[in-house]
Amino acid sequence: MKIAIPVDKKSRDSNVCVSFGRAPYFLLYDSESEQGQFLLNTAAESAGGAGIKAAQIVVDSGAQVLLTPRCGKNAADVIIAAEIPIYKTIDKTVTENITAFLAGKLDTLDEIHAGFHGE
């Protein structure tokens, strides 16, 4: 299974980025091979629509699940339309979140916010 996670640094020991659309990178982790690759989030510097563009990067990456602390409605609409489930991360490292997800310990992200348009 390919798992996408927004990250601040190119390290599995870093924390999950609190901003989905403005995360500098996404880790795309393959649970079968236990390998990961970091994808540059080219949407992070966008003047607007970063969440939608970031969501499209996740979809295009082939991710089968998204782990994130929060997600705006427009980005979530793109992810959900691609039938990618969204799970809420815990305040731990990227590796700890992957472990928690694989153990079935993360909840689905039910609180989708309106987004931070123009902020």
PDB file of N, CA and C in Angstrom:
ATOM      1  N   MET A   1       0.844  -1.175   0.000  1.00  0.00           N
ATOM      2  CA  MET A   1       0.000   0.000   0.000  1.00  0.00           C
ATOM      3  C   MET A   1       0.891   1.241   0.000  1.00  0.00           C
ATOM      4  N   LYS A   2       0.535   2.211  -0.820  1.00  0.00           N
ATOM      5  CA  LYS A   2       1.285   3.465  -0.880  1.00  0.00           C
ATOM      6  C   LYS A   2       0.599   4.504  -0.002  1.00  0.00           C
ATOM      7  N   ILE A   3       1.366   5.031   0.946  1.00  0.00           N
ATOM      8  CA  ILE A   3       0.864   5.957   1.950  1.00  0.00           C
ATOM      9  C   ILE A   3       1.525   7.321   1.727  1.00  0.00           C
ATOM     10  N   ALA A   4       0.725   8.373   1.600  1.00  0.00           N
ATOM     11  CA  ALA A   4       1.250   9.735   1.443  1.00  0.00           C
ATOM     12  C   ALA A   4       1.109  10.484   2.762  1.00  0.00           C
ATOM     13  N   ILE A   5       2.176  11.244   3.098  1.00  0.00           N
ATOM     14  CA  ILE A   5       2.194  12.022   4.339  1.00  0.00           C
ATOM     15  C   ILE A   5       2.891  13.356   4.077  1.00  0.00           C
ATOM     16  N   PRO A   6       2.277  14.498   4.456  1.00  0.00           N
ATOM     17  CA  PRO A   6       2.964  15.781   4.315  1.00  0.00           C
ATOM     18  C   PRO A   6       4.055  15.895   5.373  1.00  0.00           C
ATOM     19  N   VAL A   7       5.266  16.288   4.963  1.00  0.00           N
ATOM     20  CA  VAL A   7       6.389  16.371   5.901  1.00  0.00           C
ATOM     21  C   VAL A   7       7.126  17.702   5.757  1.00  0.00           C
ATOM     22  N   ASP A   8       7.749  18.118   6.867  1.00  0.00           N
ATOM     23  CA  ASP A   8       8.539  19.350   6.867  1.00  0.00           C
ATOM     24  C   ASP A   8       9.935  19.140   6.298  1.00  0.00           C
ATOM     25  N   LYS A   9      10.501  17.957   6.561  1.00  0.00           N
ATOM     26  CA  LYS A   9      11.867  17.655   6.139  1.00  0.00           C
ATOM     27  C   LYS A   9      11.917  16.302   5.459  1.00  0.00           C
ATOM     28  N   LYS A  10      12.954  16.085   4.690  1.00  0.00           N
ATOM     29  CA  LYS A  10      13.149  14.797   4.026  1.00  0.00           C
ATOM     30  C   LYS A  10      13.733  13.798   5.018  1.00  0.00           C
ATOM     31  N   SER A  11      12.940  13.461   6.030  1.00  0.00           N
ATOM     32  CA  SER A  11      13.364  12.522   7.060  1.00  0.00           C
ATOM     33  C   SER A  11      12.148  11.842   7.663  1.00  0.00           C
ATOM     34  N   ARG A  12      12.237  10.547   7.856  1.00  0.00           N
ATOM     35  CA  ARG A  12      11.140   9.820   8.499  1.00  0.00           C
ATOM     36  C   ARG A  12      11.081  10.100   9.990  1.00  0.00           C
ATOM     37  N   ASP A  13      12.143  10.716  10.529  1.00  0.00           N
ATOM     38  CA  ASP A  13      12.166  11.061  11.944  1.00  0.00           C
ATOM     39  C   ASP A  13      11.569  12.434  12.209  1.00  0.00           C
ATOM     40  N   SER A  14      11.213  13.161  11.144  1.00  0.00           N
ATOM     41  CA  SER A  14      10.611  14.478  11.330  1.00  0.00           C
ATOM     42  C   SER A  14       9.143  14.317  11.696  1.00  0.00           C
ATOM     43  N   ASN A  15       8.568  15.395  12.168  1.00  0.00           N
ATOM     44  CA  ASN A  15       7.138  15.385  12.464  1.00  0.00           C
ATOM     45  C   ASN A  15       6.353  15.572  11.176  1.00  0.00           C
ATOM     46  N   VAL A  16       5.112  15.202  11.221  1.00  0.00           N
ATOM     47  CA  VAL A  16       4.209  15.420  10.102  1.00  0.00           C
ATOM     48  C   VAL A  16       3.956  16.923  10.000  1.00  0.00           C
ATOM     49  N   CYS A  17       3.944  17.462   8.794  1.00  0.00           N
ATOM     50  CA  CYS A  17       3.688  18.887   8.595  1.00  0.00           C
ATOM     51  C   CYS A  17       2.239  19.203   8.946  1.00  0.00           C
ATOM     52  N   VAL A  18       2.024  20.278   9.681  1.00  0.00           N
ATOM     53  CA  VAL A  18       0.666  20.637  10.091  1.00  0.00           C
ATOM     54  C   VAL A  18      -0.169  21.195   8.951  1.00  0.00           C
ATOM     55  N   SER A  19       0.482  21.637   7.879  1.00  0.00           N
ATOM     56  CA  SER A  19      -0.233  22.191   6.732  1.00  0.00           C
ATOM     57  C   SER A  19      -0.132  21.240   5.544  1.00  0.00           C
ATOM     58  N   PHE A  20      -1.240  20.708   5.123  1.00  0.00           N
ATOM     59  CA  PHE A  20      -1.236  19.791   3.985  1.00  0.00           C
ATOM     60  C   PHE A  20      -0.800  20.498   2.706  1.00  0.00           C
ATOM     61  N   GLY A  21      -1.486  21.544   2.324  1.00  0.00           N
ATOM     62  CA  GLY A  21      -1.222  22.222   1.049  1.00  0.00           C
ATOM     63  C   GLY A  21       0.115  22.932   0.982  1.00  0.00           C
ATOM     64  N   ARG A  22       0.618  23.386   2.110  1.00  0.00           N
ATOM     65  CA  ARG A  22       1.876  24.138   2.155  1.00  0.00           C
ATOM     66  C   ARG A  22       3.053  23.301   2.666  1.00  0.00           C
ATOM     67  N   ALA A  23       2.866  22.007   2.810  1.00  0.00           N
ATOM     68  CA  ALA A  23       3.972  21.136   3.230  1.00  0.00           C
ATOM     69  C   ALA A  23       5.080  21.194   2.183  1.00  0.00           C
ATOM     70  N   PRO A  24       6.334  21.290   2.600  1.00  0.00           N
ATOM     71  CA  PRO A  24       7.422  21.336   1.620  1.00  0.00           C
ATOM     72  C   PRO A  24       7.548  20.045   0.802  1.00  0.00           C
ATOM     73  N   TYR A  25       7.237  18.910   1.445  1.00  0.00           N
ATOM     74  CA  TYR A  25       7.397  17.602   0.787  1.00  0.00           C
ATOM     75  C   TYR A  25       6.261  16.675   1.179  1.00  0.00           C
ATOM     76  N   PHE A  26       6.114  15.636   0.393  1.00  0.00           N
ATOM     77  CA  PHE A  26       5.267  14.502   0.756  1.00  0.00           C
ATOM     78  C   PHE A  26       6.149  13.269   0.763  1.00  0.00           C
ATOM     79  N   LEU A  27       5.997  12.454   1.800  1.00  0.00           N
ATOM     80  CA  LEU A  27       6.643  11.151   1.797  1.00  0.00           C
ATOM     81  C   LEU A  27       5.652  10.188   1.180  1.00  0.00           C
ATOM     82  N   LEU A  28       6.081   9.452   0.176  1.00  0.00           N
ATOM     83  CA  LEU A  28       5.275   8.382  -0.395  1.00  0.00           C
ATOM     84  C   LEU A  28       5.930   7.085   0.062  1.00  0.00           C
ATOM     85  N   TYR A  29       5.280   6.422   1.009  1.00  0.00           N
ATOM     86  CA  TYR A  29       5.832   5.225   1.632  1.00  0.00           C
ATOM     87  C   TYR A  29       5.105   3.988   1.116  1.00  0.00           C
ATOM     88  N   ASP A  30       5.859   3.000   0.677  1.00  0.00           N
ATOM     89  CA  ASP A  30       5.304   1.736   0.201  1.00  0.00           C
ATOM     90  C   ASP A  30       5.421   0.724   1.331  1.00  0.00           C
ATOM     91  N   SER A  31       4.290   0.332   1.900  1.00  0.00           N
ATOM     92  CA  SER A  31       4.312  -0.575   3.052  1.00  0.00           C
ATOM     93  C   SER A  31       4.777  -1.982   2.690  1.00  0.00           C
ATOM     94  N   GLU A  32       4.676  -2.360   1.432  1.00  0.00           N
ATOM     95  CA  GLU A  32       5.114  -3.700   1.023  1.00  0.00           C
ATOM     96  C   GLU A  32       6.640  -3.775   0.915  1.00  0.00           C
ATOM     97  N   SER A  33       7.241  -2.783   0.286  1.00  0.00           N
ATOM     98  CA  SER A  33       8.701  -2.786   0.130  1.00  0.00           C
ATOM     99  C   SER A  33       9.405  -2.097   1.304  1.00  0.00           C
ATOM    100  N   GLU A  34       8.617  -1.390   2.129  1.00  0.00           N
ATOM    101  CA  GLU A  34       9.133  -0.604   3.251  1.00  0.00           C
ATOM    102  C   GLU A  34      10.114   0.473   2.787  1.00  0.00           C
ATOM    103  N   GLN A  35       9.910   0.946   1.575  1.00  0.00           N
ATOM    104  CA  GLN A  35      10.736   2.010   0.997  1.00  0.00           C
ATOM    105  C   GLN A  35       9.882   3.268   0.865  1.00  0.00           C
ATOM    106  N   GLY A  36      10.551   4.401   0.904  1.00  0.00           N
ATOM    107  CA  GLY A  36       9.838   5.661   0.757  1.00  0.00           C
ATOM    108  C   GLY A  36      10.602   6.603  -0.149  1.00  0.00           C
ATOM    109  N   GLN A  37       9.861   7.501  -0.749  1.00  0.00           N
ATOM    110  CA  GLN A  37      10.490   8.551  -1.546  1.00  0.00           C
ATOM    111  C   GLN A  37       9.835   9.867  -1.183  1.00  0.00           C
ATOM    112  N   PHE A  38      10.640  10.917  -1.202  1.00  0.00           N
ATOM    113  CA  PHE A  38      10.138  12.243  -0.880  1.00  0.00           C
ATOM    114  C   PHE A  38       9.834  12.983  -2.171  1.00  0.00           C
ATOM    115  N   LEU A  39       8.621  13.518  -2.245  1.00  0.00           N
ATOM    116  CA  LEU A  39       8.175  14.274  -3.409  1.00  0.00           C
ATOM    117  C   LEU A  39       8.140  15.756  -3.049  1.00  0.00           C
ATOM    118  N   LEU A  40       8.712  16.592  -3.880  1.00  0.00           N
ATOM    119  CA  LEU A  40       8.646  18.026  -3.671  1.00  0.00           C
ATOM    120  C   LEU A  40       7.209  18.490  -3.900  1.00  0.00           C
ATOM    121  N   ASN A  41       6.681  19.246  -2.960  1.00  0.00           N
ATOM    122  CA  ASN A  41       5.343  19.800  -3.129  1.00  0.00           C
ATOM    123  C   ASN A  41       5.466  21.135  -3.856  1.00  0.00           C
ATOM    124  N   THR A  42       5.356  21.104  -5.151  1.00  0.00           N
ATOM    125  CA  THR A  42       5.480  22.316  -5.955  1.00  0.00           C
ATOM    126  C   THR A  42       4.330  23.292  -5.706  1.00  0.00           C
ATOM    127  N   ALA A  43       3.271  22.830  -5.073  1.00  0.00           N
ATOM    128  CA  ALA A  43       2.126  23.693  -4.769  1.00  0.00           C
ATOM    129  C   ALA A  43       2.386  24.591  -3.562  1.00  0.00           C
ATOM    130  N   ALA A  44       3.383  24.262  -2.755  1.00  0.00           N
ATOM    131  CA  ALA A  44       3.622  24.982  -1.497  1.00  0.00           C
ATOM    132  C   ALA A  44       3.834  26.479  -1.686  1.00  0.00           C
ATOM    133  N   GLU A  45       4.419  26.880  -2.797  1.00  0.00           N
ATOM    134  CA  GLU A  45       4.700  28.294  -3.039  1.00  0.00           C
ATOM    135  C   GLU A  45       3.631  28.981  -3.880  1.00  0.00           C
ATOM    136  N   SER A  46       2.541  28.296  -4.170  1.00  0.00           N
ATOM    137  CA  SER A  46       1.463  28.872  -4.984  1.00  0.00           C
ATOM    138  C   SER A  46       0.810  30.045  -4.266  1.00  0.00           C
ATOM    139  N   ALA A  47       0.443  31.038  -5.032  1.00  0.00           N
ATOM    140  CA  ALA A  47      -0.251  32.195  -4.459  1.00  0.00           C
ATOM    141  C   ALA A  47      -1.630  31.793  -3.941  1.00  0.00           C
ATOM    142  N   GLY A  48      -2.253  30.865  -4.606  1.00  0.00           N
ATOM    143  CA  GLY A  48      -3.574  30.386  -4.199  1.00  0.00           C
ATOM    144  C   GLY A  48      -3.805  28.983  -4.717  1.00  0.00           C
ATOM    145  N   GLY A  49      -4.750  28.318  -4.129  1.00  0.00           N
ATOM    146  CA  GLY A  49      -5.087  26.971  -4.580  1.00  0.00           C
ATOM    147  C   GLY A  49      -4.057  25.914  -4.239  1.00  0.00           C
ATOM    148  N   ALA A  50      -3.236  26.170  -3.215  1.00  0.00           N
ATOM    149  CA  ALA A  50      -2.176  25.222  -2.861  1.00  0.00           C
ATOM    150  C   ALA A  50      -2.742  23.864  -2.462  1.00  0.00           C
ATOM    151  N   GLY A  51      -3.839  23.856  -1.729  1.00  0.00           N
ATOM    152  CA  GLY A  51      -4.422  22.593  -1.277  1.00  0.00           C
ATOM    153  C   GLY A  51      -4.876  21.717  -2.425  1.00  0.00           C
ATOM    154  N   ILE A  52      -5.546  22.326  -3.390  1.00  0.00           N
ATOM    155  CA  ILE A  52      -6.025  21.572  -4.556  1.00  0.00           C
ATOM    156  C   ILE A  52      -4.848  21.028  -5.353  1.00  0.00           C
ATOM    157  N   LYS A  53      -3.841  21.873  -5.566  1.00  0.00           N
ATOM    158  CA  LYS A  53      -2.661  21.439  -6.327  1.00  0.00           C
ATOM    159  C   LYS A  53      -1.903  20.351  -5.585  1.00  0.00           C
ATOM    160  N   ALA A  54      -1.768  20.495  -4.272  1.00  0.00           N
ATOM    161  CA  ALA A  54      -1.086  19.478  -3.466  1.00  0.00           C
ATOM    162  C   ALA A  54      -1.867  18.163  -3.499  1.00  0.00           C
ATOM    163  N   ALA A  55      -3.182  18.265  -3.436  1.00  0.00           N
ATOM    164  CA  ALA A  55      -4.020  17.060  -3.500  1.00  0.00           C
ATOM    165  C   ALA A  55      -3.819  16.336  -4.822  1.00  0.00           C
ATOM    166  N   GLN A  56      -3.677  17.096  -5.904  1.00  0.00           N
ATOM    167  CA  GLN A  56      -3.465  16.474  -7.215  1.00  0.00           C
ATOM    168  C   GLN A  56      -2.101  15.777  -7.266  1.00  0.00           C
ATOM    169  N   ILE A  57      -1.099  16.346  -6.603  1.00  0.00           N
ATOM    170  CA  ILE A  57       0.212  15.695  -6.517  1.00  0.00           C
ATOM    171  C   ILE A  57       0.076  14.346  -5.817  1.00  0.00           C
ATOM    172  N   VAL A  58      -0.686  14.318  -4.730  1.00  0.00           N
ATOM    173  CA  VAL A  58      -0.904  13.067  -3.992  1.00  0.00           C
ATOM    174  C   VAL A  58      -1.630  12.048  -4.873  1.00  0.00           C
ATOM    175  N   VAL A  59      -2.667  12.488  -5.555  1.00  0.00           N
ATOM    176  CA  VAL A  59      -3.417  11.594  -6.446  1.00  0.00           C
ATOM    177  C   VAL A  59      -2.500  11.052  -7.546  1.00  0.00           C
ATOM    178  N   ASP A  60      -1.749  11.949  -8.188  1.00  0.00           N
ATOM    179  CA  ASP A  60      -0.868  11.550  -9.286  1.00  0.00           C
ATOM    180  C   ASP A  60       0.271  10.633  -8.837  1.00  0.00           C
ATOM    181  N   SER A  61       0.605  10.671  -7.553  1.00  0.00           N
ATOM    182  CA  SER A  61       1.695   9.845  -7.025  1.00  0.00           C
ATOM    183  C   SER A  61       1.314   8.372  -6.939  1.00  0.00           C
ATOM    184  N   GLY A  62       0.015   8.100  -7.013  1.00  0.00           N
ATOM    185  CA  GLY A  62      -0.447   6.720  -6.877  1.00  0.00           C
ATOM    186  C   GLY A  62      -0.730   6.331  -5.434  1.00  0.00           C
ATOM    187  N   ALA A  63      -0.757   7.322  -4.546  1.00  0.00           N
ATOM    188  CA  ALA A  63      -1.044   7.046  -3.133  1.00  0.00           C
ATOM    189  C   ALA A  63      -2.406   6.378  -2.996  1.00  0.00           C
ATOM    190  N   GLN A  64      -2.479   5.464  -2.048  1.00  0.00           N
ATOM    191  CA  GLN A  64      -3.731   4.748  -1.787  1.00  0.00           C
ATOM    192  C   GLN A  64      -4.376   5.187  -0.481  1.00  0.00           C
ATOM    193  N   VAL A  65      -3.632   5.967   0.306  1.00  0.00           N
ATOM    194  CA  VAL A  65      -4.142   6.507   1.568  1.00  0.00           C
ATOM    195  C   VAL A  65      -3.346   7.771   1.886  1.00  0.00           C
ATOM    196  N   LEU A  66      -3.987   8.720   2.571  1.00  0.00           N
ATOM    197  CA  LEU A  66      -3.335   9.952   2.991  1.00  0.00           C
ATOM    198  C   LEU A  66      -3.411  10.049   4.503  1.00  0.00           C
ATOM    199  N   LEU A  67      -2.267  10.319   5.133  1.00  0.00           N
ATOM    200  CA  LEU A  67      -2.212  10.581   6.567  1.00  0.00           C
ATOM    201  C   LEU A  67      -1.864  12.052   6.731  1.00  0.00           C
ATOM    202  N   THR A  68      -2.709  12.818   7.413  1.00  0.00           N
ATOM    203  CA  THR A  68      -2.478  14.251   7.588  1.00  0.00           C
ATOM    204  C   THR A  68      -3.204  14.729   8.838  1.00  0.00           C
ATOM    205  N   PRO A  69      -2.676  15.782   9.501  1.00  0.00           N
ATOM    206  CA  PRO A  69      -3.361  16.272  10.699  1.00  0.00           C
ATOM    207  C   PRO A  69      -4.634  17.047  10.385  1.00  0.00           C
ATOM    208  N   ARG A  70      -4.685  17.664   9.202  1.00  0.00           N
ATOM    209  CA  ARG A  70      -5.871  18.429   8.800  1.00  0.00           C
ATOM    210  C   ARG A  70      -5.854  18.597   7.286  1.00  0.00           C
ATOM    211  N   CYS A  71      -7.024  18.944   6.760  1.00  0.00           N
ATOM    212  CA  CYS A  71      -7.144  19.083   5.311  1.00  0.00           C
ATOM    213  C   CYS A  71      -8.304  20.026   5.009  1.00  0.00           C
ATOM    214  N   GLY A  72      -8.087  20.938   4.075  1.00  0.00           N
ATOM    215  CA  GLY A  72      -9.140  21.857   3.671  1.00  0.00           C
ATOM    216  C   GLY A  72     -10.158  21.175   2.762  1.00  0.00           C
ATOM    217  N   LYS A  73     -11.333  21.748   2.680  1.00  0.00           N
ATOM    218  CA  LYS A  73     -12.423  21.145   1.921  1.00  0.00           C
ATOM    219  C   LYS A  73     -12.078  20.942   0.449  1.00  0.00           C
ATOM    220  N   ASN A  74     -11.499  21.942  -0.207  1.00  0.00           N
ATOM    221  CA  ASN A  74     -11.203  21.806  -1.634  1.00  0.00           C
ATOM    222  C   ASN A  74     -10.193  20.695  -1.892  1.00  0.00           C
ATOM    223  N   ALA A  75      -9.168  20.625  -1.054  1.00  0.00           N
ATOM    224  CA  ALA A  75      -8.172  19.555  -1.189  1.00  0.00           C
ATOM    225  C   ALA A  75      -8.810  18.204  -0.888  1.00  0.00           C
ATOM    226  N   ALA A  76      -9.612  18.150   0.170  1.00  0.00           N
ATOM    227  CA  ALA A  76     -10.272  16.899   0.540  1.00  0.00           C
ATOM    228  C   ALA A  76     -11.196  16.414  -0.574  1.00  0.00           C
ATOM    229  N   ASP A  77     -11.875  17.341  -1.236  1.00  0.00           N
ATOM    230  CA  ASP A  77     -12.757  16.960  -2.346  1.00  0.00           C
ATOM    231  C   ASP A  77     -11.980  16.237  -3.443  1.00  0.00           C
ATOM    232  N   VAL A  78     -10.763  16.709  -3.757  1.00  0.00           N
ATOM    233  CA  VAL A  78      -9.926  16.073  -4.775  1.00  0.00           C
ATOM    234  C   VAL A  78      -9.506  14.675  -4.317  1.00  0.00           C
ATOM    235  N   ILE A  79      -9.061  14.581  -3.064  1.00  0.00           N
ATOM    236  CA  ILE A  79      -8.602  13.300  -2.514  1.00  0.00           C
ATOM    237  C   ILE A  79      -9.759  12.293  -2.464  1.00  0.00           C
ATOM    238  N   ILE A  80     -10.890  12.727  -1.978  1.00  0.00           N
ATOM    239  CA  ILE A  80     -12.060  11.846  -1.851  1.00  0.00           C
ATOM    240  C   ILE A  80     -12.565  11.413  -3.226  1.00  0.00           C
ATOM    241  N   ALA A  81     -12.555  12.331  -4.205  1.00  0.00           N
ATOM    242  CA  ALA A  81     -12.984  11.986  -5.570  1.00  0.00           C
ATOM    243  C   ALA A  81     -12.108  10.887  -6.160  1.00  0.00           C
ATOM    244  N   ALA A  82     -10.844  10.830  -5.732  1.00  0.00           N
ATOM    245  CA  ALA A  82      -9.921   9.793  -6.205  1.00  0.00           C
ATOM    246  C   ALA A  82     -10.029   8.517  -5.360  1.00  0.00           C
ATOM    247  N   GLU A  83     -10.992   8.527  -4.436  1.00  0.00           N
ATOM    248  CA  GLU A  83     -11.248   7.370  -3.566  1.00  0.00           C
ATOM    249  C   GLU A  83     -10.038   7.005  -2.707  1.00  0.00           C
ATOM    250  N   ILE A  84      -9.356   8.046  -2.224  1.00  0.00           N
ATOM    251  CA  ILE A  84      -8.221   7.870  -1.318  1.00  0.00           C
ATOM    252  C   ILE A  84      -8.709   8.223   0.088  1.00  0.00           C
ATOM    253  N   PRO A  85      -8.713   7.268   1.009  1.00  0.00           N
ATOM    254  CA  PRO A  85      -9.144   7.579   2.372  1.00  0.00           C
ATOM    255  C   PRO A  85      -8.125   8.484   3.085  1.00  0.00           C
ATOM    256  N   ILE A  86      -8.640   9.336   3.973  1.00  0.00           N
ATOM    257  CA  ILE A  86      -7.810  10.282   4.716  1.00  0.00           C
ATOM    258  C   ILE A  86      -7.871   9.915   6.197  1.00  0.00           C
ATOM    259  N   TYR A  87      -6.695   9.774   6.810  1.00  0.00           N
ATOM    260  CA  TYR A  87      -6.599   9.447   8.231  1.00  0.00           C
ATOM    261  C   TYR A  87      -5.900  10.574   8.974  1.00  0.00           C
ATOM    262  N   LYS A  88      -6.346  10.810  10.201  1.00  0.00           N
ATOM    263  CA  LYS A  88      -5.791  11.878  11.038  1.00  0.00           C
ATOM    264  C   LYS A  88      -4.529  11.384  11.742  1.00  0.00           C
ATOM    265  N   THR A  89      -3.451  12.139  11.562  1.00  0.00           N
ATOM    266  CA  THR A  89      -2.194  11.791  12.212  1.00  0.00           C
ATOM    267  C   THR A  89      -2.230  12.135  13.698  1.00  0.00           C
ATOM    268  N   ILE A  90      -1.281  11.542  14.415  1.00  0.00           N
ATOM    269  CA  ILE A  90      -1.085  11.847  15.827  1.00  0.00           C
ATOM    270  C   ILE A  90       0.168  12.713  15.935  1.00  0.00           C
ATOM    271  N   ASP A  91       0.350  13.353  17.068  1.00  0.00           N
ATOM    272  CA  ASP A  91       1.477  14.264  17.251  1.00  0.00           C
ATOM    273  C   ASP A  91       2.755  13.474  17.532  1.00  0.00           C
ATOM    274  N   LYS A  92       3.232  12.803  16.514  1.00  0.00           N
ATOM    275  CA  LYS A  92       4.420  11.958  16.598  1.00  0.00           C
ATOM    276  C   LYS A  92       5.200  12.094  15.295  1.00  0.00           C
ATOM    277  N   THR A  93       6.270  11.321  15.160  1.00  0.00           N
ATOM    278  CA  THR A  93       7.079  11.363  13.946  1.00  0.00           C
ATOM    279  C   THR A  93       6.350  10.686  12.782  1.00  0.00           C
ATOM    280  N   VAL A  94       6.892  10.882  11.612  1.00  0.00           N
ATOM    281  CA  VAL A  94       6.354  10.253  10.408  1.00  0.00           C
ATOM    282  C   VAL A  94       6.351   8.727  10.578  1.00  0.00           C
ATOM    283  N   THR A  95       7.476   8.179  11.038  1.00  0.00           N
ATOM    284  CA  THR A  95       7.590   6.728  11.226  1.00  0.00           C
ATOM    285  C   THR A  95       6.557   6.219  12.222  1.00  0.00           C
ATOM    286  N   GLU A  96       6.367   6.940  13.319  1.00  0.00           N
ATOM    287  CA  GLU A  96       5.386   6.516  14.330  1.00  0.00           C
ATOM    288  C   GLU A  96       3.965   6.562  13.775  1.00  0.00           C
ATOM    289  N   ASN A  97       3.685   7.523  12.904  1.00  0.00           N
ATOM    290  CA  ASN A  97       2.357   7.597  12.287  1.00  0.00           C
ATOM    291  C   ASN A  97       2.134   6.451  11.309  1.00  0.00           C
ATOM    292  N   ILE A  98       3.145   6.099  10.553  1.00  0.00           N
ATOM    293  CA  ILE A  98       3.024   4.956   9.634  1.00  0.00           C
ATOM    294  C   ILE A  98       2.754   3.688  10.436  1.00  0.00           C
ATOM    295  N   THR A  99       3.515   3.494  11.508  1.00  0.00           N
ATOM    296  CA  THR A  99       3.341   2.319  12.364  1.00  0.00           C
ATOM    297  C   THR A  99       1.928   2.283  12.958  1.00  0.00           C
ATOM    298  N   ALA A 100       1.462   3.439  13.447  1.00  0.00           N
ATOM    299  CA  ALA A 100       0.118   3.517  14.025  1.00  0.00           C
ATOM    300  C   ALA A 100      -0.952   3.207  12.977  1.00  0.00           C
ATOM    301  N   PHE A 101      -0.788   3.734  11.779  1.00  0.00           N
ATOM    302  CA  PHE A 101      -1.762   3.464  10.718  1.00  0.00           C
ATOM    303  C   PHE A 101      -1.800   1.977  10.385  1.00  0.00           C
ATOM    304  N   LEU A 102      -0.637   1.389  10.189  1.00  0.00           N
ATOM    305  CA  LEU A 102      -0.581  -0.037   9.820  1.00  0.00           C
ATOM    306  C   LEU A 102      -1.132  -0.937  10.920  1.00  0.00           C
ATOM    307  N   ALA A 103      -1.101  -0.448  12.164  1.00  0.00           N
ATOM    308  CA  ALA A 103      -1.653  -1.208  13.293  1.00  0.00           C
ATOM    309  C   ALA A 103      -3.141  -0.912  13.497  1.00  0.00           C
ATOM    310  N   GLY A 104      -3.713  -0.063  12.618  1.00  0.00           N
ATOM    311  CA  GLY A 104      -5.137   0.263  12.719  1.00  0.00           C
ATOM    312  C   GLY A 104      -5.462   1.218  13.852  1.00  0.00           C
ATOM    313  N   LYS A 105      -4.492   2.031  14.274  1.00  0.00           N
ATOM    314  CA  LYS A 105      -4.684   2.913  15.425  1.00  0.00           C
ATOM    315  C   LYS A 105      -4.977   4.366  15.071  1.00  0.00           C
ATOM    316  N   LEU A 106      -5.058   4.704  13.788  1.00  0.00           N
ATOM    317  CA  LEU A 106      -5.404   6.076  13.399  1.00  0.00           C
ATOM    318  C   LEU A 106      -6.870   6.140  12.989  1.00  0.00           C
ATOM    319  N   ASP A 107      -7.517   7.228  13.366  1.00  0.00           N
ATOM    320  CA  ASP A 107      -8.917   7.448  13.001  1.00  0.00           C
ATOM    321  C   ASP A 107      -9.004   8.148  11.653  1.00  0.00           C
ATOM    322  N   THR A 108     -10.131   7.978  10.982  1.00  0.00           N
ATOM    323  CA  THR A 108     -10.329   8.726   9.745  1.00  0.00           C
ATOM    324  C   THR A 108     -10.461  10.206  10.099  1.00  0.00           C
ATOM    325  N   LEU A 109     -10.037  11.043   9.171  1.00  0.00           N
ATOM    326  CA  LEU A 109     -10.120  12.492   9.374  1.00  0.00           C
ATOM    327  C   LEU A 109     -11.535  12.922   9.003  1.00  0.00           C
ATOM    328  N   ASP A 110     -12.319  13.231  10.011  1.00  0.00           N
ATOM    329  CA  ASP A 110     -13.712  13.609   9.785  1.00  0.00           C
ATOM    330  C   ASP A 110     -13.913  15.120   9.793  1.00  0.00           C
ATOM    331  N   GLU A 111     -12.990  15.851  10.397  1.00  0.00           N
ATOM    332  CA  GLU A 111     -13.125  17.301  10.508  1.00  0.00           C
ATOM    333  C   GLU A 111     -12.370  17.971   9.358  1.00  0.00           C
ATOM    334  N   ILE A 112     -13.085  18.245   8.301  1.00  0.00           N
ATOM    335  CA  ILE A 112     -12.513  18.933   7.143  1.00  0.00           C
ATOM    336  C   ILE A 112     -12.827  20.413   7.309  1.00  0.00           C
ATOM    337  N   HIS A 113     -11.782  21.252   7.312  1.00  0.00           N
ATOM    338  CA  HIS A 113     -12.016  22.682   7.521  1.00  0.00           C
ATOM    339  C   HIS A 113     -12.254  23.393   6.185  1.00  0.00           C
ATOM    340  N   ALA A 114     -12.711  24.620   6.277  1.00  0.00           N
ATOM    341  CA  ALA A 114     -13.061  25.393   5.074  1.00  0.00           C
ATOM    342  C   ALA A 114     -11.844  25.766   4.238  1.00  0.00           C
ATOM    343  N   GLY A 115     -10.679  25.738   4.855  1.00  0.00           N
ATOM    344  CA  GLY A 115      -9.455  26.136   4.141  1.00  0.00           C
ATOM    345  C   GLY A 115      -8.990  27.488   4.648  1.00  0.00           C
ATOM    346  N   PHE A 116      -7.790  27.851   4.286  1.00  0.00           N
ATOM    347  CA  PHE A 116      -7.215  29.116   4.744  1.00  0.00           C
ATOM    348  C   PHE A 116      -6.991  30.019   3.542  1.00  0.00           C
ATOM    349  N   HIS A 117      -8.035  30.277   2.817  1.00  0.00           N
ATOM    350  CA  HIS A 117      -7.949  31.051   1.577  1.00  0.00           C
ATOM    351  C   HIS A 117      -7.539  32.485   1.851  1.00  0.00           C
ATOM    352  N   GLY A 118      -6.441  32.885   1.236  1.00  0.00           N
ATOM    353  CA  GLY A 118      -5.970  34.241   1.355  1.00  0.00           C
ATOM    354  C   GLY A 118      -5.316  34.575   2.678  1.00  0.00           C
ATOM    355  N   GLU A 119      -5.030  33.560   3.483  1.00  0.00           N
ATOM    356  CA  GLU A 119      -4.433  33.819   4.808  1.00  0.00           C
ATOM    357  C   GLU A 119      -2.970  33.494   4.804  1.00  0.00           C
TER     358      GLU A 119
END
